[in-house]
Protein backbone atom coordinates (compact mmCIF):
# COMPACT_ATOMS: atom_id res chain seq x y z
CA MET A 1 122.99 103.04 95.25
CA ASN A 2 120.02 105.34 94.93
CA ARG A 3 118.90 106.13 91.47
CA PRO A 4 115.98 108.29 90.43
CA ILE A 5 112.89 106.94 88.68
CA GLU A 6 111.85 108.71 85.52
CA LEU A 7 108.38 108.81 83.90
CA ALA A 8 109.61 109.33 80.36
CA ALA A 9 111.85 106.67 79.02
CA ALA A 10 115.49 107.53 79.85
CA PRO A 11 118.75 105.70 80.40
CA ARG A 12 118.40 106.01 84.18
CA ILE A 13 114.86 104.59 84.40
CA LEU A 14 114.73 102.08 87.23
CA ILE A 15 111.36 100.42 86.72
CA PRO A 16 111.59 97.42 84.44
CA GLY A 17 110.27 97.81 80.87
CA PRO A 18 108.52 95.12 78.86
CA ARG A 19 109.81 91.56 78.78
CA ARG A 20 108.48 90.51 75.37
CA ALA A 21 109.72 86.98 75.63
CA SER A 22 107.62 86.41 78.83
CA PRO A 23 103.82 86.14 79.22
CA ALA A 24 104.26 88.51 82.25
CA PRO A 25 105.70 91.71 80.87
CA TYR A 26 105.93 93.51 84.20
CA VAL A 27 107.86 92.28 87.15
CA LEU A 28 108.10 93.23 90.82
CA PRO A 29 111.27 95.34 91.26
CA PRO A 30 113.52 94.20 94.07
CA LEU A 31 113.65 96.10 97.30
CA PRO A 32 116.79 98.27 97.70
CA TYR A 33 117.35 96.74 101.20
CA PRO A 34 116.47 93.55 103.23
CA GLU A 35 112.94 93.24 104.37
CA ASN A 36 113.95 93.75 108.01
CA ALA A 37 116.14 96.76 107.26
CA LEU A 38 113.60 99.44 108.26
CA GLU A 39 112.84 98.04 111.74
CA PRO A 40 111.69 99.20 114.23
CA VAL A 41 109.99 101.99 112.28
CA ILE A 42 108.49 99.50 109.82
CA SER A 43 108.45 95.90 110.97
CA SER A 44 109.57 93.15 108.65
CA ARG A 45 106.07 91.62 108.76
CA ALA A 46 104.51 94.94 107.69
CA LEU A 47 107.06 95.37 104.94
CA GLN A 48 106.52 91.85 103.64
CA LEU A 49 102.74 92.28 103.50
CA HIS A 50 103.04 95.61 101.88
CA TYR A 51 105.76 94.65 99.33
CA ARG A 52 104.78 91.11 98.47
CA LYS A 53 100.97 91.26 98.78
CA HIS A 54 100.09 94.83 97.76
CA HIS A 55 102.89 95.84 95.49
CA GLY A 56 103.20 92.34 94.11
CA GLY A 57 99.37 92.24 93.68
CA TYR A 58 99.44 95.31 91.49
CA VAL A 59 102.06 93.68 89.28
CA ASP A 60 100.06 90.40 88.94
CA THR A 61 96.84 92.32 88.25
CA LEU A 62 98.42 94.59 85.58
CA ASN A 63 99.88 91.55 83.83
CA ARG A 64 96.43 90.00 83.71
CA LEU A 65 94.83 93.17 82.40
CA VAL A 66 97.28 93.77 79.51
CA SER A 67 98.04 90.12 78.59
CA GLY A 68 97.59 89.66 74.89
CA THR A 69 97.11 93.32 74.14
CA ALA A 70 99.34 95.94 72.51
CA LEU A 71 99.80 97.58 75.94
CA ALA A 72 101.96 94.64 77.02
CA ASP A 73 104.61 95.86 74.64
CA LEU A 74 104.97 99.20 76.45
CA SER A 75 107.38 100.01 79.30
CA LEU A 76 105.55 100.94 82.50
CA SER A 77 106.29 104.65 81.98
CA GLN A 78 104.95 104.54 78.42
CA LEU A 79 101.88 102.62 79.66
CA LEU A 80 101.09 105.31 82.20
CA LEU A 81 101.18 108.02 79.50
CA GLU A 82 99.10 105.95 77.19
CA VAL A 83 96.18 105.26 79.53
CA ALA A 84 96.10 108.28 81.87
CA GLY A 85 92.82 110.15 81.72
CA GLN A 86 90.92 107.50 79.91
CA PRO A 87 87.94 106.25 81.98
CA ASP A 88 87.76 102.88 80.18
CA GLN A 89 91.42 102.26 81.10
CA ALA A 90 91.14 103.38 84.74
CA LEU A 91 91.86 99.83 86.14
CA ILE A 92 95.01 99.57 84.08
CA TYR A 93 96.14 103.07 85.02
CA ASN A 94 95.55 102.46 88.81
CA ASN A 95 97.58 99.27 88.91
CA ALA A 96 100.36 100.68 86.72
CA ALA A 97 100.49 103.88 88.78
CA GLN A 98 100.59 101.98 92.05
CA ILE A 99 103.56 99.88 90.75
CA TRP A 100 105.34 103.19 89.91
CA ASN A 101 104.38 104.86 93.18
CA HIS A 102 105.50 101.88 95.37
CA SER A 103 108.76 101.52 93.57
CA PHE A 104 109.42 105.13 94.25
CA TYR A 105 108.34 104.95 97.84
CA TRP A 106 110.67 102.15 98.71
CA GLN A 107 113.55 104.26 97.49
CA SER A 108 112.31 107.28 99.36
CA LEU A 109 113.14 105.29 102.53
CA SER A 110 116.50 104.09 103.69
CA PRO A 111 117.88 102.23 106.71
CA ASN A 112 120.47 105.07 106.87
CA GLY A 113 117.87 107.82 106.15
CA ALA A 114 117.27 111.15 107.82
CA GLY A 115 120.92 111.90 107.90
CA THR A 116 122.66 114.86 106.45
CA CYS A 117 120.70 116.53 103.65
CA PRO A 118 122.93 117.18 100.61
CA GLN A 119 123.66 120.80 100.20
CA VAL A 120 122.19 121.17 96.75
CA LEU A 121 118.90 120.02 98.16
CA ARG A 122 119.22 121.83 101.38
CA GLY A 123 119.64 125.13 99.60
CA LEU A 124 116.40 124.56 97.64
CA ILE A 125 114.67 123.55 100.80
CA GLU A 126 115.72 126.74 102.56
CA TYR A 127 114.65 128.76 99.52
CA SER A 128 111.26 127.06 99.34
CA PHE A 129 110.36 126.54 103.04
CA GLY A 130 112.94 128.41 105.18
CA ASP A 131 114.47 125.34 106.81
CA LEU A 132 114.27 121.56 106.90
CA GLU A 133 112.24 121.59 110.11
CA THR A 134 109.55 123.63 108.45
CA LEU A 135 109.53 121.33 105.43
CA GLU A 136 109.04 118.28 107.69
CA GLU A 137 106.18 120.09 109.58
CA LYS A 138 104.54 120.78 106.12
CA VAL A 139 104.92 117.09 105.10
CA SER A 140 103.19 116.01 108.28
CA ALA A 141 100.44 118.54 107.93
CA VAL A 142 99.73 117.66 104.40
CA ALA A 143 99.88 113.91 105.10
CA MET A 144 97.40 114.33 107.95
CA SER A 145 94.98 116.29 105.78
CA GLN A 146 94.63 113.57 103.28
CA PHE A 147 91.23 111.98 103.72
CA GLY A 148 91.37 108.28 102.77
CA SER A 149 94.07 106.59 100.77
CA GLY A 150 96.71 108.41 98.91
CA TRP A 151 100.30 109.74 98.92
CA VAL A 152 102.23 112.80 100.12
CA TRP A 153 104.99 114.07 97.92
CA LEU A 154 107.92 116.36 97.80
CA VAL A 155 108.12 117.76 94.30
CA LEU A 156 110.04 120.19 92.15
CA ASP A 157 107.72 122.78 90.54
CA GLY A 158 109.81 124.99 88.33
CA LYS A 159 112.57 126.40 90.54
CA SER A 160 111.05 125.77 93.94
CA LEU A 161 109.79 122.79 95.97
CA GLN A 162 106.25 121.94 96.99
CA VAL A 163 104.69 119.43 99.26
CA LEU A 164 101.40 118.03 97.94
CA LYS A 165 99.05 115.04 98.37
CA THR A 166 97.33 112.82 95.77
CA SER A 167 94.46 110.41 96.23
CA ASN A 168 94.46 106.73 95.59
CA ALA A 169 97.02 105.89 92.79
CA ASP A 170 97.49 109.37 91.35
CA ASN A 171 100.92 111.06 91.38
CA PRO A 172 102.23 114.44 90.36
CA LEU A 173 103.93 113.29 87.20
CA LEU A 174 100.96 113.89 85.03
CA GLN A 175 100.70 117.45 86.39
CA GLY A 176 104.15 118.14 84.95
CA LEU A 177 105.83 118.12 88.36
CA LYS A 178 108.98 116.28 89.26
CA PRO A 179 108.67 113.89 92.31
CA LEU A 180 111.62 113.88 94.70
CA LEU A 181 110.19 111.85 97.58
CA ALA A 182 106.95 110.05 98.39
CA ILE A 183 105.38 108.57 101.53
CA ASP A 184 102.59 106.00 101.19
CA LEU A 185 99.39 107.07 103.05
CA TRP A 186 97.29 103.96 102.28
CA GLU A 187 96.26 102.18 105.50
CA HIS A 188 98.10 99.01 104.51
CA ALA A 189 101.36 100.98 104.71
CA TYR A 190 101.11 101.66 108.46
CA TYR A 191 98.14 99.77 110.05
CA PRO A 192 100.16 96.57 110.87
CA ASP A 193 102.51 98.65 113.07
CA TYR A 194 100.56 101.83 113.93
CA GLU A 195 96.92 100.99 113.48
CA ASN A 196 95.14 104.25 112.96
CA ARG A 197 98.04 106.45 114.17
CA ARG A 198 99.07 107.88 110.81
CA GLY A 199 100.76 110.79 112.42
CA GLU A 200 103.17 108.59 114.38
CA TYR A 201 104.07 106.70 111.24
CA ILE A 202 104.82 109.89 109.34
CA ALA A 203 106.86 111.36 112.19
CA ALA A 204 108.93 108.14 112.57
CA ILE A 205 109.74 108.11 108.80
CA LEU A 206 110.82 111.77 108.81
CA ALA A 207 112.91 111.22 111.90
CA THR A 208 114.78 108.12 110.92
CA LEU A 209 114.07 106.79 107.38
CA ILE A 210 113.55 109.56 104.79
CA ASN A 211 116.11 109.32 102.05
CA TRP A 212 117.42 112.75 101.37
CA ASP A 213 120.10 111.38 99.12
CA PHE A 214 117.45 109.89 96.85
CA ALA A 215 115.67 113.24 96.69
CA ALA A 216 118.91 114.93 95.74
CA ASP A 217 119.57 112.31 93.06
CA ASN A 218 116.17 112.99 91.60
CA LEU A 219 116.83 116.82 91.72
CA SER A 220 120.12 116.35 89.88
CA VAL A 221 118.34 114.95 86.79
CA ALA A 222 115.33 117.28 86.90
């Protein structure tokens, strides 16, 4: 079942909070599907490297950085709010944000994705972009315009939707926007399968994997 991820602490938060009885307060959230479930768009090898090495690496690094500090007692969402915008905490912020971003990204994809867009979301898409096809064209264009590593997002901004990009680990949460979907634009997300062909990776996700139900779930608690 798809459930939205919240930044502020809330009953529906999906990302694990602190485990005070453990020396490693943050854990790698399980994938919402088997590691081969996104083939052929994303191979099992690419997904394993991305999830276990990169996503898992951020978790391991964050645990090392906060071990023995008061920050280890915070949930991931609380930690992001605590350290955002503080230059001396940039390393902690980047790793915490990447854990959040990746956890959100995995749920933005589904083996049964790109199906029927729920009507509540479709109506807002038509209001904001005209139609679903125009939205997908916008996502592709924004994704291709990102120079270097980052993310492309579908967000709720007030009463309409926007497509925007962020660099490195940043996300729209700290801008007061509500993420509905995300696609990872870091090279490790697509190079094993697509090499430098970012556009093909984006097009394949939009055509077969994008999880409109997850977006609608996030919209329902906005």
